[in-house]
Amino acid sequence: MTQVIAIVPTANGGKYVRQLCKHWAHKLDVTLDGDTGIVRFPNAEAVMTGEADAIRIALTADDAETAERMKDVIERHLDRFAFREAPLTYQWSAGA
């Protein structure tokens, strides 16, 4: 398993998390509770939390290659919803 964490600065974190989860709920298993969403992809899971000044993303994948691919998918989709401030800044680091 590979885990990476990202902090994405934005004042609209909760809004973007909700929009993204609703978008992906049409094709994926998604749980949304307030400003926290869990998206279950094939071979990966992303927990995204909208905070006052950022989105916190915890991505867990079966392997490093899948994690890299899913980071790109998440970034591209978030930037689409955040088009007024895109591209967002993604600060990824290794998880616990």
PDB file of N, CA and C in Angstrom:
ATOM      1  N   MET A   1       0.841  -1.186   0.000  1.00  0.00           N
ATOM      2  CA  MET A   1       0.000   0.000   0.000  1.00  0.00           C
ATOM      3  C   MET A   1       0.881   1.242   0.000  1.00  0.00           C
ATOM      4  N   THR A   2       0.419   2.252  -0.690  1.00  0.00           N
ATOM      5  CA  THR A   2       1.104   3.532  -0.751  1.00  0.00           C
ATOM      6  C   THR A   2       0.126   4.608  -0.300  1.00  0.00           C
ATOM      7  N   GLN A   3       0.576   5.468   0.611  1.00  0.00           N
ATOM      8  CA  GLN A   3      -0.280   6.571   1.035  1.00  0.00           C
ATOM      9  C   GLN A   3       0.463   7.882   0.837  1.00  0.00           C
ATOM     10  N   VAL A   4      -0.261   8.857   0.273  1.00  0.00           N
ATOM     11  CA  VAL A   4       0.268  10.206   0.118  1.00  0.00           C
ATOM     12  C   VAL A   4      -0.783  11.182   0.632  1.00  0.00           C
ATOM     13  N   ILE A   5      -0.295  12.309   1.112  1.00  0.00           N
ATOM     14  CA  ILE A   5      -1.152  13.343   1.687  1.00  0.00           C
ATOM     15  C   ILE A   5      -0.901  14.639   0.922  1.00  0.00           C
ATOM     16  N   ALA A   6      -1.961  15.385   0.662  1.00  0.00           N
ATOM     17  CA  ALA A   6      -1.797  16.694   0.018  1.00  0.00           C
ATOM     18  C   ALA A   6      -2.555  17.738   0.805  1.00  0.00           C
ATOM     19  N   ILE A   7      -1.970  18.918   0.853  1.00  0.00           N
ATOM     20  CA  ILE A   7      -2.636  20.103   1.365  1.00  0.00           C
ATOM     21  C   ILE A   7      -2.764  21.037   0.160  1.00  0.00           C
ATOM     22  N   VAL A   8      -4.005  21.432  -0.143  1.00  0.00           N
ATOM     23  CA  VAL A   8      -4.274  22.253  -1.320  1.00  0.00           C
ATOM     24  C   VAL A   8      -4.876  23.577  -0.846  1.00  0.00           C
ATOM     25  N   PRO A   9      -4.091  24.653  -0.830  1.00  0.00           N
ATOM     26  CA  PRO A   9      -4.602  25.925  -0.345  1.00  0.00           C
ATOM     27  C   PRO A   9      -5.765  26.458  -1.190  1.00  0.00           C
ATOM     28  N   THR A  10      -6.877  26.769  -0.541  1.00  0.00           N
ATOM     29  CA  THR A  10      -8.044  27.395  -1.165  1.00  0.00           C
ATOM     30  C   THR A  10      -9.024  27.778  -0.067  1.00  0.00           C
ATOM     31  N   ALA A  11      -9.724  28.859  -0.266  1.00  0.00           N
ATOM     32  CA  ALA A  11     -10.756  29.272   0.688  1.00  0.00           C
ATOM     33  C   ALA A  11     -12.089  28.578   0.401  1.00  0.00           C
ATOM     34  N   ASN A  12     -12.137  27.782  -0.680  1.00  0.00           N
ATOM     35  CA  ASN A  12     -13.377  27.128  -1.097  1.00  0.00           C
ATOM     36  C   ASN A  12     -13.304  25.605  -0.984  1.00  0.00           C
ATOM     37  N   GLY A  13     -12.538  25.104  -0.048  1.00  0.00           N
ATOM     38  CA  GLY A  13     -12.306  23.674   0.060  1.00  0.00           C
ATOM     39  C   GLY A  13     -13.567  22.838   0.188  1.00  0.00           C
ATOM     40  N   GLY A  14     -14.450  23.215   1.093  1.00  0.00           N
ATOM     41  CA  GLY A  14     -15.676  22.453   1.298  1.00  0.00           C
ATOM     42  C   GLY A  14     -16.532  22.415   0.047  1.00  0.00           C
ATOM     43  N   LYS A  15     -16.637  23.531  -0.626  1.00  0.00           N
ATOM     44  CA  LYS A  15     -17.427  23.620  -1.856  1.00  0.00           C
ATOM     45  C   LYS A  15     -16.866  22.674  -2.915  1.00  0.00           C
ATOM     46  N   TYR A  16     -15.551  22.687  -3.110  1.00  0.00           N
ATOM     47  CA  TYR A  16     -14.935  21.850  -4.137  1.00  0.00           C
ATOM     48  C   TYR A  16     -15.040  20.370  -3.798  1.00  0.00           C
ATOM     49  N   VAL A  17     -14.878  20.026  -2.535  1.00  0.00           N
ATOM     50  CA  VAL A  17     -15.007  18.620  -2.122  1.00  0.00           C
ATOM     51  C   VAL A  17     -16.428  18.128  -2.404  1.00  0.00           C
ATOM     52  N   ARG A  18     -17.422  18.914  -2.045  1.00  0.00           N
ATOM     53  CA  ARG A  18     -18.821  18.510  -2.280  1.00  0.00           C
ATOM     54  C   ARG A  18     -19.099  18.359  -3.775  1.00  0.00           C
ATOM     55  N   GLN A  19     -18.646  19.321  -4.587  1.00  0.00           N
ATOM     56  CA  GLN A  19     -18.871  19.242  -6.030  1.00  0.00           C
ATOM     57  C   GLN A  19     -18.201  18.009  -6.631  1.00  0.00           C
ATOM     58  N   LEU A  20     -16.966  17.771  -6.234  1.00  0.00           N
ATOM     59  CA  LEU A  20     -16.227  16.645  -6.786  1.00  0.00           C
ATOM     60  C   LEU A  20     -16.857  15.314  -6.380  1.00  0.00           C
ATOM     61  N   CYS A  21     -17.275  15.215  -5.138  1.00  0.00           N
ATOM     62  CA  CYS A  21     -17.907  13.974  -4.684  1.00  0.00           C
ATOM     63  C   CYS A  21     -19.231  13.732  -5.406  1.00  0.00           C
ATOM     64  N   LYS A  22     -20.011  14.759  -5.593  1.00  0.00           N
ATOM     65  CA  LYS A  22     -21.272  14.598  -6.333  1.00  0.00           C
ATOM     66  C   LYS A  22     -21.004  14.193  -7.780  1.00  0.00           C
ATOM     67  N   HIS A  23     -19.968  14.752  -8.371  1.00  0.00           N
ATOM     68  CA  HIS A  23     -19.586  14.408  -9.742  1.00  0.00           C
ATOM     69  C   HIS A  23     -19.204  12.926  -9.835  1.00  0.00           C
ATOM     70  N   TRP A  24     -18.350  12.463  -8.926  1.00  0.00           N
ATOM     71  CA  TRP A  24     -17.867  11.089  -8.981  1.00  0.00           C
ATOM     72  C   TRP A  24     -18.905  10.075  -8.494  1.00  0.00           C
ATOM     73  N   ALA A  25     -19.903  10.516  -7.757  1.00  0.00           N
ATOM     74  CA  ALA A  25     -20.915   9.590  -7.231  1.00  0.00           C
ATOM     75  C   ALA A  25     -21.703   8.902  -8.345  1.00  0.00           C
ATOM     76  N   HIS A  26     -21.666   9.449  -9.547  1.00  0.00           N
ATOM     77  CA  HIS A  26     -22.375   8.835 -10.669  1.00  0.00           C
ATOM     78  C   HIS A  26     -21.698   7.550 -11.141  1.00  0.00           C
ATOM     79  N   LYS A  27     -20.385   7.424 -10.857  1.00  0.00           N
ATOM     80  CA  LYS A  27     -19.644   6.263 -11.354  1.00  0.00           C
ATOM     81  C   LYS A  27     -18.913   5.478 -10.272  1.00  0.00           C
ATOM     82  N   LEU A  28     -18.706   6.091  -9.114  1.00  0.00           N
ATOM     83  CA  LEU A  28     -17.887   5.475  -8.073  1.00  0.00           C
ATOM     84  C   LEU A  28     -18.643   5.402  -6.753  1.00  0.00           C
ATOM     85  N   ASP A  29     -18.116   4.618  -5.830  1.00  0.00           N
ATOM     86  CA  ASP A  29     -18.668   4.544  -4.478  1.00  0.00           C
ATOM     87  C   ASP A  29     -18.151   5.756  -3.698  1.00  0.00           C
ATOM     88  N   VAL A  30     -19.066   6.636  -3.315  1.00  0.00           N
ATOM     89  CA  VAL A  30     -18.701   7.894  -2.656  1.00  0.00           C
ATOM     90  C   VAL A  30     -19.525   8.054  -1.385  1.00  0.00           C
ATOM     91  N   THR A  31     -18.862   8.498  -0.326  1.00  0.00           N
ATOM     92  CA  THR A  31     -19.535   8.873   0.919  1.00  0.00           C
ATOM     93  C   THR A  31     -19.238  10.347   1.157  1.00  0.00           C
ATOM     94  N   LEU A  32     -20.273  11.133   1.377  1.00  0.00           N
ATOM     95  CA  LEU A  32     -20.102  12.568   1.621  1.00  0.00           C
ATOM     96  C   LEU A  32     -20.792  12.915   2.925  1.00  0.00           C
ATOM     97  N   ASP A  33     -20.039  13.514   3.836  1.00  0.00           N
ATOM     98  CA  ASP A  33     -20.570  13.944   5.128  1.00  0.00           C
ATOM     99  C   ASP A  33     -20.078  15.368   5.371  1.00  0.00           C
ATOM    100  N   GLY A  34     -20.931  16.339   5.093  1.00  0.00           N
ATOM    101  CA  GLY A  34     -20.530  17.740   5.248  1.00  0.00           C
ATOM    102  C   GLY A  34     -19.445  18.086   4.252  1.00  0.00           C
ATOM    103  N   ASP A  35     -18.294  18.507   4.748  1.00  0.00           N
ATOM    104  CA  ASP A  35     -17.174  18.898   3.891  1.00  0.00           C
ATOM    105  C   ASP A  35     -16.125  17.796   3.772  1.00  0.00           C
ATOM    106  N   THR A  36     -16.483  16.567   4.140  1.00  0.00           N
ATOM    107  CA  THR A  36     -15.568  15.436   4.024  1.00  0.00           C
ATOM    108  C   THR A  36     -16.156  14.401   3.079  1.00  0.00           C
ATOM    109  N   GLY A  37     -15.357  13.999   2.120  1.00  0.00           N
ATOM    110  CA  GLY A  37     -15.800  12.996   1.162  1.00  0.00           C
ATOM    111  C   GLY A  37     -14.790  11.872   1.059  1.00  0.00           C
ATOM    112  N   ILE A  38     -15.309  10.658   0.884  1.00  0.00           N
ATOM    113  CA  ILE A  38     -14.470   9.481   0.655  1.00  0.00           C
ATOM    114  C   ILE A  38     -14.865   8.931  -0.704  1.00  0.00           C
ATOM    115  N   VAL A  39     -13.867   8.816  -1.573  1.00  0.00           N
ATOM    116  CA  VAL A  39     -14.104   8.306  -2.920  1.00  0.00           C
ATOM    117  C   VAL A  39     -13.309   7.010  -3.069  1.00  0.00           C
ATOM    118  N   ARG A  40     -14.016   5.944  -3.418  1.00  0.00           N
ATOM    119  CA  ARG A  40     -13.384   4.640  -3.592  1.00  0.00           C
ATOM    120  C   ARG A  40     -13.238   4.358  -5.089  1.00  0.00           C
ATOM    121  N   PHE A  41     -11.990   4.445  -5.545  1.00  0.00           N
ATOM    122  CA  PHE A  41     -11.642   4.147  -6.926  1.00  0.00           C
ATOM    123  C   PHE A  41     -11.231   2.671  -6.997  1.00  0.00           C
ATOM    124  N   PRO A  42     -11.163   2.119  -8.202  1.00  0.00           N
ATOM    125  CA  PRO A  42     -10.542   0.796  -8.301  1.00  0.00           C
ATOM    126  C   PRO A  42      -9.082   0.912  -7.856  1.00  0.00           C
ATOM    127  N   ASN A  43      -8.686   0.152  -6.860  1.00  0.00           N
ATOM    128  CA  ASN A  43      -7.303   0.103  -6.366  1.00  0.00           C
ATOM    129  C   ASN A  43      -6.832   1.340  -5.606  1.00  0.00           C
ATOM    130  N   ALA A  44      -7.757   2.233  -5.207  1.00  0.00           N
ATOM    131  CA  ALA A  44      -7.355   3.417  -4.447  1.00  0.00           C
ATOM    132  C   ALA A  44      -8.556   4.019  -3.728  1.00  0.00           C
ATOM    133  N   GLU A  45      -8.249   4.794  -2.685  1.00  0.00           N
ATOM    134  CA  GLU A  45      -9.288   5.506  -1.943  1.00  0.00           C
ATOM    135  C   GLU A  45      -8.755   6.885  -1.581  1.00  0.00           C
ATOM    136  N   ALA A  46      -9.596   7.898  -1.769  1.00  0.00           N
ATOM    137  CA  ALA A  46      -9.214   9.265  -1.421  1.00  0.00           C
ATOM    138  C   ALA A  46     -10.180   9.796  -0.376  1.00  0.00           C
ATOM    139  N   VAL A  47      -9.621  10.315   0.714  1.00  0.00           N
ATOM    140  CA  VAL A  47     -10.403  10.994   1.741  1.00  0.00           C
ATOM    141  C   VAL A  47     -10.052  12.466   1.623  1.00  0.00           C
ATOM    142  N   MET A  48     -11.059  13.284   1.298  1.00  0.00           N
ATOM    143  CA  MET A  48     -10.845  14.707   1.078  1.00  0.00           C
ATOM    144  C   MET A  48     -11.658  15.493   2.096  1.00  0.00           C
ATOM    145  N   THR A  49     -11.008  16.439   2.751  1.00  0.00           N
ATOM    146  CA  THR A  49     -11.669  17.253   3.759  1.00  0.00           C
ATOM    147  C   THR A  49     -11.464  18.726   3.442  1.00  0.00           C
ATOM    148  N   GLY A  50     -12.565  19.444   3.291  1.00  0.00           N
ATOM    149  CA  GLY A  50     -12.498  20.879   3.080  1.00  0.00           C
ATOM    150  C   GLY A  50     -12.337  21.578   4.415  1.00  0.00           C
ATOM    151  N   GLU A  51     -11.284  22.351   4.538  1.00  0.00           N
ATOM    152  CA  GLU A  51     -11.015  23.109   5.756  1.00  0.00           C
ATOM    153  C   GLU A  51     -11.160  24.595   5.441  1.00  0.00           C
ATOM    154  N   ALA A  52     -10.984  25.454   6.417  1.00  0.00           N
ATOM    155  CA  ALA A  52     -11.181  26.896   6.236  1.00  0.00           C
ATOM    156  C   ALA A  52     -10.271  27.479   5.153  1.00  0.00           C
ATOM    157  N   ASP A  53      -9.053  26.958   5.030  1.00  0.00           N
ATOM    158  CA  ASP A  53      -8.103  27.545   4.092  1.00  0.00           C
ATOM    159  C   ASP A  53      -7.439  26.537   3.162  1.00  0.00           C
ATOM    160  N   ALA A  54      -7.976  25.304   3.104  1.00  0.00           N
ATOM    161  CA  ALA A  54      -7.342  24.278   2.275  1.00  0.00           C
ATOM    162  C   ALA A  54      -8.248  23.062   2.130  1.00  0.00           C
ATOM    163  N   ILE A  55      -7.843  22.193   1.217  1.00  0.00           N
ATOM    164  CA  ILE A  55      -8.405  20.854   1.118  1.00  0.00           C
ATOM    165  C   ILE A  55      -7.292  19.908   1.546  1.00  0.00           C
ATOM    166  N   ARG A  56      -7.608  19.018   2.451  1.00  0.00           N
ATOM    167  CA  ARG A  56      -6.657  17.988   2.877  1.00  0.00           C
ATOM    168  C   ARG A  56      -7.072  16.702   2.179  1.00  0.00           C
ATOM    169  N   ILE A  57      -6.135  16.087   1.455  1.00  0.00           N
ATOM    170  CA  ILE A  57      -6.407  14.860   0.730  1.00  0.00           C
ATOM    171  C   ILE A  57      -5.488  13.766   1.246  1.00  0.00           C
ATOM    172  N   ALA A  58      -6.073  12.645   1.643  1.00  0.00           N
ATOM    173  CA  ALA A  58      -5.307  11.458   2.013  1.00  0.00           C
ATOM    174  C   ALA A  58      -5.638  10.391   0.976  1.00  0.00           C
ATOM    175  N   LEU A  59      -4.663  10.032   0.171  1.00  0.00           N
ATOM    176  CA  LEU A  59      -4.842   9.075  -0.911  1.00  0.00           C
ATOM    177  C   LEU A  59      -4.107   7.790  -0.563  1.00  0.00           C
ATOM    178  N   THR A  60      -4.828   6.685  -0.566  1.00  0.00           N
ATOM    179  CA  THR A  60      -4.237   5.372  -0.328  1.00  0.00           C
ATOM    180  C   THR A  60      -4.455   4.539  -1.579  1.00  0.00           C
ATOM    181  N   ALA A  61      -3.370   3.961  -2.093  1.00  0.00           N
ATOM    182  CA  ALA A  61      -3.452   3.168  -3.324  1.00  0.00           C
ATOM    183  C   ALA A  61      -2.728   1.842  -3.130  1.00  0.00           C
ATOM    184  N   ASP A  62      -3.055   0.893  -4.003  1.00  0.00           N
ATOM    185  CA  ASP A  62      -2.426  -0.429  -3.920  1.00  0.00           C
ATOM    186  C   ASP A  62      -0.922  -0.377  -4.137  1.00  0.00           C
ATOM    187  N   ASP A  63      -0.454   0.574  -4.964  1.00  0.00           N
ATOM    188  CA  ASP A  63       0.976   0.670  -5.247  1.00  0.00           C
ATOM    189  C   ASP A  63       1.321   2.102  -5.661  1.00  0.00           C
ATOM    190  N   ALA A  64       2.607   2.373  -5.785  1.00  0.00           N
ATOM    191  CA  ALA A  64       3.078   3.730  -6.092  1.00  0.00           C
ATOM    192  C   ALA A  64       2.616   4.199  -7.469  1.00  0.00           C
ATOM    193  N   GLU A  65       2.579   3.306  -8.444  1.00  0.00           N
ATOM    194  CA  GLU A  65       2.154   3.683  -9.792  1.00  0.00           C
ATOM    195  C   GLU A  65       0.688   4.128  -9.789  1.00  0.00           C
ATOM    196  N   THR A  66      -0.150   3.395  -9.092  1.00  0.00           N
ATOM    197  CA  THR A  66      -1.564   3.768  -8.992  1.00  0.00           C
ATOM    198  C   THR A  66      -1.710   5.095  -8.262  1.00  0.00           C
ATOM    199  N   ALA A  67      -0.929   5.295  -7.203  1.00  0.00           N
ATOM    200  CA  ALA A  67      -0.986   6.557  -6.454  1.00  0.00           C
ATOM    201  C   ALA A  67      -0.640   7.730  -7.359  1.00  0.00           C
ATOM    202  N   GLU A  68       0.399   7.594  -8.170  1.00  0.00           N
ATOM    203  CA  GLU A  68       0.789   8.675  -9.075  1.00  0.00           C
ATOM    204  C   GLU A  68      -0.326   8.968 -10.079  1.00  0.00           C
ATOM    205  N   ARG A  69      -0.913   7.931 -10.636  1.00  0.00           N
ATOM    206  CA  ARG A  69      -1.997   8.118 -11.605  1.00  0.00           C
ATOM    207  C   ARG A  69      -3.200   8.795 -10.958  1.00  0.00           C
ATOM    208  N   MET A  70      -3.544   8.387  -9.736  1.00  0.00           N
ATOM    209  CA  MET A  70      -4.705   8.945  -9.058  1.00  0.00           C
ATOM    210  C   MET A  70      -4.451  10.383  -8.595  1.00  0.00           C
ATOM    211  N   LYS A  71      -3.221  10.708  -8.241  1.00  0.00           N
ATOM    212  CA  LYS A  71      -2.902  12.103  -7.912  1.00  0.00           C
ATOM    213  C   LYS A  71      -3.238  12.992  -9.105  1.00  0.00           C
ATOM    214  N   ASP A  72      -2.852  12.556 -10.286  1.00  0.00           N
ATOM    215  CA  ASP A  72      -3.122  13.326 -11.503  1.00  0.00           C
ATOM    216  C   ASP A  72      -4.625  13.451 -11.756  1.00  0.00           C
ATOM    217  N   VAL A  73      -5.367  12.364 -11.575  1.00  0.00           N
ATOM    218  CA  VAL A  73      -6.828  12.386 -11.772  1.00  0.00           C
ATOM    219  C   VAL A  73      -7.477  13.377 -10.807  1.00  0.00           C
ATOM    220  N   ILE A  74      -7.085  13.314  -9.545  1.00  0.00           N
ATOM    221  CA  ILE A  74      -7.666  14.204  -8.529  1.00  0.00           C
ATOM    222  C   ILE A  74      -7.322  15.664  -8.851  1.00  0.00           C
ATOM    223  N   GLU A  75      -6.079  15.933  -9.176  1.00  0.00           N
ATOM    224  CA  GLU A  75      -5.663  17.302  -9.478  1.00  0.00           C
ATOM    225  C   GLU A  75      -6.425  17.866 -10.681  1.00  0.00           C
ATOM    226  N   ARG A  76      -6.519  17.093 -11.758  1.00  0.00           N
ATOM    227  CA  ARG A  76      -7.214  17.578 -12.951  1.00  0.00           C
ATOM    228  C   ARG A  76      -8.682  17.868 -12.666  1.00  0.00           C
ATOM    229  N   HIS A  77      -9.341  16.993 -11.902  1.00  0.00           N
ATOM    230  CA  HIS A  77     -10.753  17.199 -11.594  1.00  0.00           C
ATOM    231  C   HIS A  77     -10.956  18.385 -10.652  1.00  0.00           C
ATOM    232  N   LEU A  78     -10.128  18.502  -9.626  1.00  0.00           N
ATOM    233  CA  LEU A  78     -10.260  19.643  -8.715  1.00  0.00           C
ATOM    234  C   LEU A  78     -10.024  20.957  -9.455  1.00  0.00           C
ATOM    235  N   ASP A  79      -9.014  20.988 -10.313  1.00  0.00           N
ATOM    236  CA  ASP A  79      -8.744  22.216 -11.072  1.00  0.00           C
ATOM    237  C   ASP A  79      -9.918  22.586 -11.970  1.00  0.00           C
ATOM    238  N   ARG A  80     -10.624  21.598 -12.490  1.00  0.00           N
ATOM    239  CA  ARG A  80     -11.799  21.890 -13.313  1.00  0.00           C
ATOM    240  C   ARG A  80     -12.883  22.587 -12.499  1.00  0.00           C
ATOM    241  N   PHE A  81     -13.117  22.116 -11.270  1.00  0.00           N
ATOM    242  CA  PHE A  81     -14.135  22.744 -10.427  1.00  0.00           C
ATOM    243  C   PHE A  81     -13.662  24.075  -9.869  1.00  0.00           C
ATOM    244  N   ALA A  82     -12.362  24.230  -9.726  1.00  0.00           N
ATOM    245  CA  ALA A  82     -11.791  25.468  -9.176  1.00  0.00           C
ATOM    246  C   ALA A  82     -11.260  26.351 -10.302  1.00  0.00           C
ATOM    247  N   PHE A  83     -11.956  26.374 -11.436  1.00  0.00           N
ATOM    248  CA  PHE A  83     -11.429  27.051 -12.623  1.00  0.00           C
ATOM    249  C   PHE A  83     -11.101  28.520 -12.382  1.00  0.00           C
ATOM    250  N   ARG A  84     -11.787  29.178 -11.442  1.00  0.00           N
ATOM    251  CA  ARG A  84     -11.501  30.594 -11.179  1.00  0.00           C
ATOM    252  C   ARG A  84     -10.149  30.801 -10.503  1.00  0.00           C
ATOM    253  N   GLU A  85      -9.667  29.784  -9.800  1.00  0.00           N
ATOM    254  CA  GLU A  85      -8.369  29.908  -9.135  1.00  0.00           C
ATOM    255  C   GLU A  85      -7.362  28.865  -9.613  1.00  0.00           C
ATOM    256  N   ALA A  86      -7.709  28.119 -10.627  1.00  0.00           N
ATOM    257  CA  ALA A  86      -6.824  27.067 -11.134  1.00  0.00           C
ATOM    258  C   ALA A  86      -5.639  27.670 -11.887  1.00  0.00           C
ATOM    259  N   PRO A  87      -4.512  26.985 -11.905  1.00  0.00           N
ATOM    260  CA  PRO A  87      -4.322  25.701 -11.249  1.00  0.00           C
ATOM    261  C   PRO A  87      -4.052  25.883  -9.760  1.00  0.00           C
ATOM    262  N   LEU A  88      -4.625  24.991  -8.980  1.00  0.00           N
ATOM    263  CA  LEU A  88      -4.365  24.989  -7.544  1.00  0.00           C
ATOM    264  C   LEU A  88      -2.954  24.476  -7.293  1.00  0.00           C
ATOM    265  N   THR A  89      -2.452  24.717  -6.102  1.00  0.00           N
ATOM    266  CA  THR A  89      -1.115  24.255  -5.710  1.00  0.00           C
ATOM    267  C   THR A  89      -1.273  22.989  -4.869  1.00  0.00           C
ATOM    268  N   TYR A  90      -0.656  21.904  -5.323  1.00  0.00           N
ATOM    269  CA  TYR A  90      -0.758  20.620  -4.634  1.00  0.00           C
ATOM    270  C   TYR A  90       0.577  20.309  -3.971  1.00  0.00           C
ATOM    271  N   GLN A  91       0.553  20.180  -2.661  1.00  0.00           N
ATOM    272  CA  GLN A  91       1.758  19.899  -1.892  1.00  0.00           C
ATOM    273  C   GLN A  91       1.644  18.467  -1.371  1.00  0.00           C
ATOM    274  N   TRP A  92       2.086  17.491  -2.177  1.00  0.00           N
ATOM    275  CA  TRP A  92       1.994  16.081  -1.820  1.00  0.00           C
ATOM    276  C   TRP A  92       3.206  15.658  -0.985  1.00  0.00           C
ATOM    277  N   SER A  93       2.950  14.805  -0.013  1.00  0.00           N
ATOM    278  CA  SER A  93       4.039  14.225   0.777  1.00  0.00           C
ATOM    279  C   SER A  93       3.657  12.788   1.129  1.00  0.00           C
ATOM    280  N   ALA A  94       4.646  12.016   1.506  1.00  0.00           N
ATOM    281  CA  ALA A  94       4.396  10.617   1.874  1.00  0.00           C
ATOM    282  C   ALA A  94       3.514  10.562   3.113  1.00  0.00           C
ATOM    283  N   GLY A  95       2.592   9.627   3.121  1.00  0.00           N
ATOM    284  CA  GLY A  95       1.698   9.449   4.262  1.00  0.00           C
ATOM    285  C   GLY A  95       2.358   8.648   5.368  1.00  0.00           C
ATOM    286  N   ALA A  96       1.591   8.447   6.434  1.00  0.00           N
ATOM    287  CA  ALA A  96       2.118   7.740   7.601  1.00  0.00           C
ATOM    288  C   ALA A  96       2.341   6.265   7.324  1.00  0.00           C
TER     289      ALA A  96
END
